[in-house]
Amino acid sequence: MEKTSKIYVAGHRGMVGSAIVRKLYAGGYTNLVFRTSTEMDLRNQQAVSDFFASEKPEYVFLAAAKVGGILANNTLRADFIYENLMIQNNVIYSSWKQGVKKLMFLGSSCIYPKLAPQPLREDYLLSGFLEPTNEPYAIAKIAGIKMCDAFRSQYGCNYISVMPTNLYGPNDNYDLTNSHVLPALLRKFHSAKQTGQDVEIWGSGSPMREFLHVDDLADACLFLFRSYNEPGLVNIGTGEDITIKDLALLIKNIVGFTGGLNWDASKPDGTPRKLMDVRKLHNLGWKHSIGLEEGIRSTYDGSKDRLNELLRQTTLS
């Protein structure tokens, strides 16, 4: 991939896509092409086909997706499977039609079976039942992996798939109805600090989760885009996890919240543990560099204005 190669980043305004864009620009890549969701609906096959025919990108990062936390995944089940299938099908198919040289498909660690052995190895895919709360999203992502491999097998396309662990960082989603656990906790603790209320947290606090800063993910993506050309998938994570309870206590300390915590055990915990086996990635030569506490501190410092605005909107409503 040359510095002047035309690169399309699908989902460039999301947390993952924007991090990839920052990394590409920092690496000296100058010919990036984007479309906002209002400019091009990735669920619309004709719109995507027309875009690829006119722009003819040489390389594609497929970071666009409908995403959300456990509540959104469980209640918007039809939306999650339909929209994600449409997005990835259209982009992957049009990439083949227009001769894209290389494509990276980004999935999620939820593709692995709920009770798979820990840590999660790449070859555990399709070895058991999925976590029910996010099964539609996971099935869509599994289909994306298999679609990339099918186009590689039948047409020789150099399409690769990467599976990030739980992510956080700049441009995260702080909507409490569809955000992931870490940004949701940041918002809850920040708001409670301002209002003097206690913090309610879903579940028992016992599930263990792994978290990767999105800037580390972008670094890994560019590393793999330059160096990896194989079928299957590559896990991207830290290989380290933490209980939700300890995560909450860490965020409580970072935010400076001194009130109480109330655990709502009536809410679902989700998968008991979800730790990525990252030996494949480490053997390829990449490791994360941003520690969890460091990453959360920088994320919180950079998001205070947004969190204050969300608090103001909640107060006014």
Protein backbone atom coordinates (compact mmCIF):
# COMPACT_ATOMS: atom_id res chain seq x y z
CA MET A 1 0.00 0.00 0.00
CA GLU A 2 1.58 3.24 -1.17
CA LYS A 3 1.23 6.55 0.66
CA THR A 4 -0.86 7.88 -2.24
CA SER A 5 -3.04 4.78 -2.65
CA LYS A 6 -6.77 5.50 -2.52
CA ILE A 7 -8.09 4.11 0.78
CA TYR A 8 -11.76 3.92 1.73
CA VAL A 9 -12.57 3.78 5.45
CA ALA A 10 -16.18 2.70 5.92
CA GLY A 11 -17.49 4.09 9.20
CA HIS A 12 -14.92 6.88 9.42
CA ARG A 13 -16.87 8.90 11.98
CA GLY A 14 -17.31 6.07 14.47
CA MET A 15 -14.91 5.31 17.28
CA VAL A 16 -13.04 2.60 15.35
CA GLY A 17 -13.14 4.22 11.94
CA SER A 18 -11.98 7.62 13.20
CA ALA A 19 -9.07 5.98 15.04
CA ILE A 20 -8.03 4.21 11.83
CA VAL A 21 -8.24 7.50 9.96
CA ARG A 22 -6.02 9.22 12.54
CA LYS A 23 -3.51 6.38 12.28
CA LEU A 24 -3.46 6.46 8.48
CA TYR A 25 -2.93 10.21 8.38
CA ALA A 26 -0.19 9.92 11.02
CA GLY A 27 1.45 7.26 8.84
CA GLY A 28 1.59 9.61 5.86
CA TYR A 29 -1.34 8.18 3.87
CA THR A 30 -2.91 11.13 2.08
CA ASN A 31 -5.54 9.78 -0.32
CA LEU A 32 -8.39 8.78 1.95
CA VAL A 33 -12.01 8.76 0.79
CA PHE A 34 -15.11 8.84 3.01
CA ARG A 35 -18.87 9.10 2.89
CA THR A 36 -21.12 9.97 5.81
CA SER A 37 -24.23 7.88 6.42
CA THR A 38 -26.37 10.71 5.02
CA GLU A 39 -24.24 10.83 1.87
CA MET A 40 -24.32 7.06 1.34
CA ASP A 41 -26.46 4.46 3.07
CA LEU A 42 -24.28 1.37 3.25
CA ARG A 43 -27.43 -0.76 3.53
CA ASN A 44 -28.36 0.35 0.00
CA GLN A 45 -26.71 -1.96 -2.52
CA GLN A 46 -27.08 0.42 -5.46
CA ALA A 47 -25.65 3.37 -3.55
CA VAL A 48 -22.63 1.34 -2.47
CA SER A 49 -22.15 -0.06 -5.99
CA ASP A 50 -22.26 3.44 -7.49
CA PHE A 51 -19.75 4.73 -4.95
CA PHE A 52 -17.22 1.98 -5.66
CA ALA A 53 -17.68 2.35 -9.41
CA SER A 54 -17.01 6.10 -9.29
CA GLU A 55 -14.31 6.29 -6.61
CA LYS A 56 -12.55 2.97 -7.30
CA PRO A 57 -10.71 2.67 -3.96
CA GLU A 58 -7.67 0.39 -3.96
CA TYR A 59 -7.89 -0.56 -0.28
CA VAL A 60 -10.80 -0.80 2.15
CA PHE A 61 -11.13 -0.80 5.94
CA LEU A 62 -14.63 -2.05 6.76
CA ALA A 63 -15.24 -0.53 10.19
CA ALA A 64 -18.87 0.47 9.64
CA ALA A 65 -21.40 -1.44 11.71
CA LYS A 66 -24.47 -1.08 13.87
CA VAL A 67 -23.09 -1.52 17.37
CA GLY A 68 -24.27 -1.24 20.96
CA GLY A 69 -24.16 -2.71 24.42
CA ILE A 70 -26.06 -5.61 25.95
CA LEU A 71 -29.41 -3.76 26.08
CA ALA A 72 -29.32 -2.64 22.45
CA ASN A 73 -28.11 -6.03 21.24
CA ASN A 74 -30.87 -7.86 23.08
CA THR A 75 -33.79 -5.57 22.20
CA LEU A 76 -32.92 -4.53 18.63
CA ARG A 77 -32.21 -8.04 17.45
CA ALA A 78 -33.70 -7.71 13.98
CA ASP A 79 -31.97 -4.38 13.36
CA PHE A 80 -28.60 -5.74 14.43
CA ILE A 81 -28.61 -8.77 12.16
CA TYR A 82 -30.24 -7.09 9.16
CA GLU A 83 -28.25 -3.86 9.11
CA ASN A 84 -24.88 -5.46 9.74
CA LEU A 85 -25.43 -8.11 7.08
CA MET A 86 -26.47 -5.50 4.55
CA ILE A 87 -23.53 -3.20 5.30
CA GLN A 88 -20.84 -5.85 5.06
CA ASN A 89 -22.41 -7.72 2.13
CA ASN A 90 -22.62 -4.56 0.05
CA VAL A 91 -19.09 -3.35 0.82
CA ILE A 92 -17.41 -6.74 0.37
CA TYR A 93 -19.29 -7.51 -2.85
CA SER A 94 -18.60 -4.09 -4.38
CA SER A 95 -14.95 -4.38 -3.38
CA TRP A 96 -14.74 -7.58 -5.41
CA LYS A 97 -16.64 -6.07 -8.36
CA GLN A 98 -14.27 -3.11 -8.56
CA GLY A 99 -11.03 -5.02 -7.97
CA VAL A 100 -10.09 -3.72 -4.52
CA LYS A 101 -6.57 -4.98 -3.78
CA LYS A 102 -7.09 -5.62 -0.08
CA LEU A 103 -9.91 -5.35 2.44
CA MET A 104 -9.96 -5.61 6.21
CA PHE A 105 -13.19 -6.68 7.90
CA LEU A 106 -13.55 -5.78 11.56
CA GLY A 107 -15.71 -8.01 13.72
CA SER A 108 -16.13 -8.50 17.45
CA SER A 109 -15.15 -10.93 20.18
CA CYS A 110 -18.84 -11.82 20.60
CA ILE A 111 -18.44 -14.21 17.66
CA TYR A 112 -17.13 -16.85 20.06
CA PRO A 113 -19.34 -19.38 21.87
CA LYS A 114 -20.66 -18.29 25.26
CA LEU A 115 -18.96 -21.11 27.14
CA ALA A 116 -15.84 -21.51 25.01
CA PRO A 117 -12.60 -22.26 26.89
CA GLN A 118 -10.64 -19.20 28.00
CA PRO A 119 -8.74 -17.48 26.57
CA LEU A 120 -10.59 -17.43 23.25
CA ARG A 121 -8.53 -18.88 20.42
CA GLU A 122 -9.30 -18.14 16.79
CA ASP A 123 -10.10 -21.81 16.12
CA TYR A 124 -12.93 -21.78 18.70
CA LEU A 125 -15.17 -20.09 16.13
CA LEU A 126 -18.40 -22.08 15.57
CA SER A 127 -17.49 -24.63 18.25
CA GLY A 128 -20.56 -24.01 20.45
CA PHE A 129 -23.67 -21.96 21.18
CA LEU A 130 -23.45 -18.15 21.18
CA GLU A 131 -24.39 -15.80 24.01
CA PRO A 132 -28.17 -15.34 23.46
CA THR A 133 -28.26 -11.59 24.18
CA ASN A 134 -26.03 -10.70 21.23
CA GLU A 135 -26.55 -13.71 18.96
CA PRO A 136 -27.97 -11.75 15.96
CA TYR A 137 -24.99 -9.37 15.93
CA ALA A 138 -22.54 -12.25 16.36
CA ILE A 139 -24.09 -14.22 13.50
CA ALA A 140 -23.76 -11.21 11.21
CA LYS A 141 -20.08 -10.85 12.10
CA ILE A 142 -19.44 -14.57 11.62
CA ALA A 143 -21.06 -14.28 8.20
CA GLY A 144 -18.64 -11.45 7.38
CA ILE A 145 -15.63 -13.59 8.26
CA LYS A 146 -16.92 -16.44 6.14
CA MET A 147 -17.76 -14.10 3.27
CA CYS A 148 -14.20 -12.76 3.22
CA ASP A 149 -12.84 -16.30 3.22
CA ALA A 150 -15.27 -17.37 0.49
CA PHE A 151 -14.23 -14.53 -1.81
CA ARG A 152 -10.60 -15.38 -1.09
CA SER A 153 -11.21 -19.04 -1.92
CA GLN A 154 -13.28 -18.52 -5.06
CA TYR A 155 -11.80 -15.34 -6.51
CA GLY A 156 -8.39 -14.99 -4.86
CA CYS A 157 -9.35 -11.79 -3.02
CA ASN A 158 -6.95 -10.63 -0.32
CA TYR A 159 -9.61 -10.02 2.32
CA ILE A 160 -8.60 -10.38 5.98
CA SER A 161 -10.68 -10.42 9.17
CA VAL A 162 -9.74 -9.10 12.59
CA MET A 163 -11.67 -9.52 15.83
CA PRO A 164 -11.13 -6.74 18.38
CA THR A 165 -11.91 -7.19 22.04
CA ASN A 166 -13.99 -4.60 23.95
CA LEU A 167 -12.92 -1.12 22.91
CA TYR A 168 -12.94 2.35 24.45
CA GLY A 169 -11.44 5.74 23.71
CA PRO A 170 -12.11 8.96 21.75
CA ASN A 171 -15.48 9.23 19.97
CA ASP A 172 -17.06 6.53 22.11
CA ASN A 173 -20.81 6.29 22.55
CA TYR A 174 -22.09 7.46 25.94
CA ASP A 175 -25.81 6.82 25.35
CA LEU A 176 -26.90 4.73 28.34
CA THR A 177 -29.45 2.77 26.28
CA ASN A 178 -26.99 1.38 23.72
CA SER A 179 -23.43 2.03 24.89
CA HIS A 180 -20.89 -0.53 26.06
CA VAL A 181 -20.04 -1.03 29.70
CA LEU A 182 -16.92 1.15 30.03
CA PRO A 183 -18.32 4.38 28.52
CA ALA A 184 -21.61 3.76 30.35
CA LEU A 185 -19.74 3.58 33.65
CA LEU A 186 -17.76 6.73 32.85
CA ARG A 187 -20.97 8.61 32.22
CA LYS A 188 -22.71 7.24 35.30
CA PHE A 189 -19.83 8.07 37.64
CA HIS A 190 -19.31 11.52 36.13
CA SER A 191 -23.01 12.37 36.43
CA ALA A 192 -23.24 11.00 39.98
CA LYS A 193 -20.23 13.03 41.02
CA GLN A 194 -22.00 16.20 39.87
CA THR A 195 -25.42 15.34 41.31
CA GLY A 196 -24.42 13.60 44.54
CA GLN A 197 -26.39 10.45 43.73
CA ASP A 198 -25.29 6.84 44.06
CA VAL A 199 -24.34 4.82 40.98
CA GLU A 200 -26.45 1.89 39.81
CA ILE A 201 -24.57 -0.80 37.90
CA TRP A 202 -26.12 -3.68 35.99
CA GLY A 203 -25.45 -7.28 36.97
CA SER A 204 -23.42 -8.86 39.73
CA GLY A 205 -20.03 -7.40 38.86
CA SER A 206 -18.50 -10.86 38.51
CA PRO A 207 -18.12 -11.14 34.70
CA MET A 208 -14.60 -10.57 33.42
CA ARG A 209 -13.90 -8.39 30.42
CA GLU A 210 -10.87 -7.34 28.40
CA PHE A 211 -10.50 -3.75 27.19
CA LEU A 212 -8.34 -2.27 24.44
CA HIS A 213 -7.83 1.40 23.71
CA VAL A 214 -9.08 2.20 20.22
CA ASP A 215 -5.77 3.86 19.27
CA ASP A 216 -4.04 0.56 19.98
CA LEU A 217 -6.62 -1.18 17.80
CA ALA A 218 -5.91 1.23 14.94
CA ASP A 219 -2.19 0.59 15.30
CA ALA A 220 -2.77 -3.17 15.16
CA CYS A 221 -5.06 -2.82 12.14
CA LEU A 222 -2.49 -0.91 10.13
CA PHE A 223 0.22 -3.36 11.20
CA LEU A 224 -1.87 -6.31 10.01
CA PHE A 225 -2.98 -4.55 6.85
CA ARG A 226 0.65 -4.16 5.87
CA SER A 227 1.84 -7.61 6.91
CA TYR A 228 -0.97 -10.21 7.12
CA ASN A 229 -2.49 -11.95 4.10
CA GLU A 230 -4.12 -15.14 5.33
CA PRO A 231 -7.65 -16.59 5.60
CA GLY A 232 -9.44 -16.98 8.91
CA LEU A 233 -9.18 -14.29 11.54
CA VAL A 234 -6.80 -12.61 13.98
CA ASN A 235 -7.77 -11.63 17.52
CA ILE A 236 -6.79 -8.12 18.57
CA GLY A 237 -6.63 -7.51 22.31
CA THR A 238 -4.41 -7.21 25.34
CA GLY A 239 -4.62 -10.76 26.71
CA GLU A 240 -5.53 -9.23 30.11
CA ASP A 241 -8.96 -8.94 31.74
CA ILE A 242 -10.67 -7.44 34.77
CA THR A 243 -13.96 -8.04 36.60
CA ILE A 244 -16.72 -5.52 36.01
CA LYS A 245 -16.63 -4.79 39.76
CA ASP A 246 -12.92 -3.94 39.67
CA LEU A 247 -13.45 -1.91 36.50
CA ALA A 248 -16.17 0.09 38.27
CA LEU A 249 -13.87 0.72 41.25
CA LEU A 250 -11.07 1.82 38.91
CA ILE A 251 -13.36 4.26 37.11
CA LYS A 252 -14.73 5.47 40.45
CA ASN A 253 -11.19 6.35 41.51
CA ILE A 254 -10.29 8.01 38.18
CA VAL A 255 -13.45 10.15 38.18
CA GLY A 256 -13.05 11.00 41.86
CA PHE A 257 -16.50 9.77 42.87
CA THR A 258 -17.02 9.26 46.60
CA GLY A 259 -20.64 8.04 46.72
CA GLY A 260 -22.10 4.55 46.90
CA LEU A 261 -22.51 1.74 44.36
CA ASN A 262 -25.73 -0.24 43.90
CA TRP A 263 -25.52 -3.50 41.96
CA ASP A 264 -28.72 -4.53 40.16
CA ALA A 265 -28.43 -8.33 40.03
CA SER A 266 -31.77 -8.54 38.20
CA LYS A 267 -30.05 -7.30 35.04
CA PRO A 268 -28.15 -9.77 32.82
CA ASP A 269 -24.43 -10.36 33.23
CA GLY A 270 -23.87 -11.67 29.72
CA THR A 271 -20.97 -14.01 29.01
CA PRO A 272 -19.13 -14.94 32.24
CA ARG A 273 -15.69 -14.29 30.75
CA LYS A 274 -14.45 -13.07 27.40
CA LEU A 275 -10.67 -12.98 27.20
CA MET A 276 -8.92 -13.07 23.83
CA ASP A 277 -6.02 -15.38 23.11
CA VAL A 278 -3.63 -12.97 21.38
CA ARG A 279 -0.65 -15.29 20.92
CA LYS A 280 -1.19 -15.30 17.15
CA LEU A 281 -1.00 -11.49 17.07
CA HIS A 282 2.01 -11.43 19.42
CA ASN A 283 3.81 -13.98 17.26
CA LEU A 284 3.21 -11.76 14.24
CA GLY A 285 5.03 -8.98 16.10
CA TRP A 286 2.43 -6.67 17.64
CA LYS A 287 1.52 -5.93 21.28
CA HIS A 288 -0.64 -3.23 22.85
CA SER A 289 1.07 -0.22 24.44
CA ILE A 290 -1.69 1.66 26.33
CA GLY A 291 -2.43 0.37 29.84
CA LEU A 292 -6.02 0.27 31.06
CA GLU A 293 -5.74 2.92 33.79
CA GLU A 294 -3.72 5.21 31.53
CA GLY A 295 -6.22 4.76 28.72
CA ILE A 296 -9.28 5.39 30.88
CA ARG A 297 -7.71 8.52 32.38
CA SER A 298 -6.95 9.99 28.96
CA THR A 299 -10.40 9.03 27.68
CA TYR A 300 -12.11 10.63 30.67
CA ASP A 301 -10.03 13.81 30.40
CA GLY A 302 -10.89 14.10 26.72
CA SER A 303 -14.61 13.42 27.19
CA LYS A 304 -15.52 15.72 30.10
CA ASP A 305 -17.05 18.38 27.87
CA ARG A 306 -19.21 15.77 26.15
CA LEU A 307 -20.23 14.23 29.48
CA ASN A 308 -21.10 17.64 30.91
CA GLU A 309 -23.25 18.37 27.87
CA LEU A 310 -25.06 15.06 28.26
CA LEU A 311 -25.65 15.84 31.94
CA ARG A 312 -27.02 19.27 31.06
CA GLN A 313 -29.39 17.76 28.47
CA THR A 314 -30.61 15.18 30.99
CA THR A 315 -31.20 17.86 33.60
CA LEU A 316 -33.15 20.04 31.17
CA SER A 317 -35.33 17.16 30.04
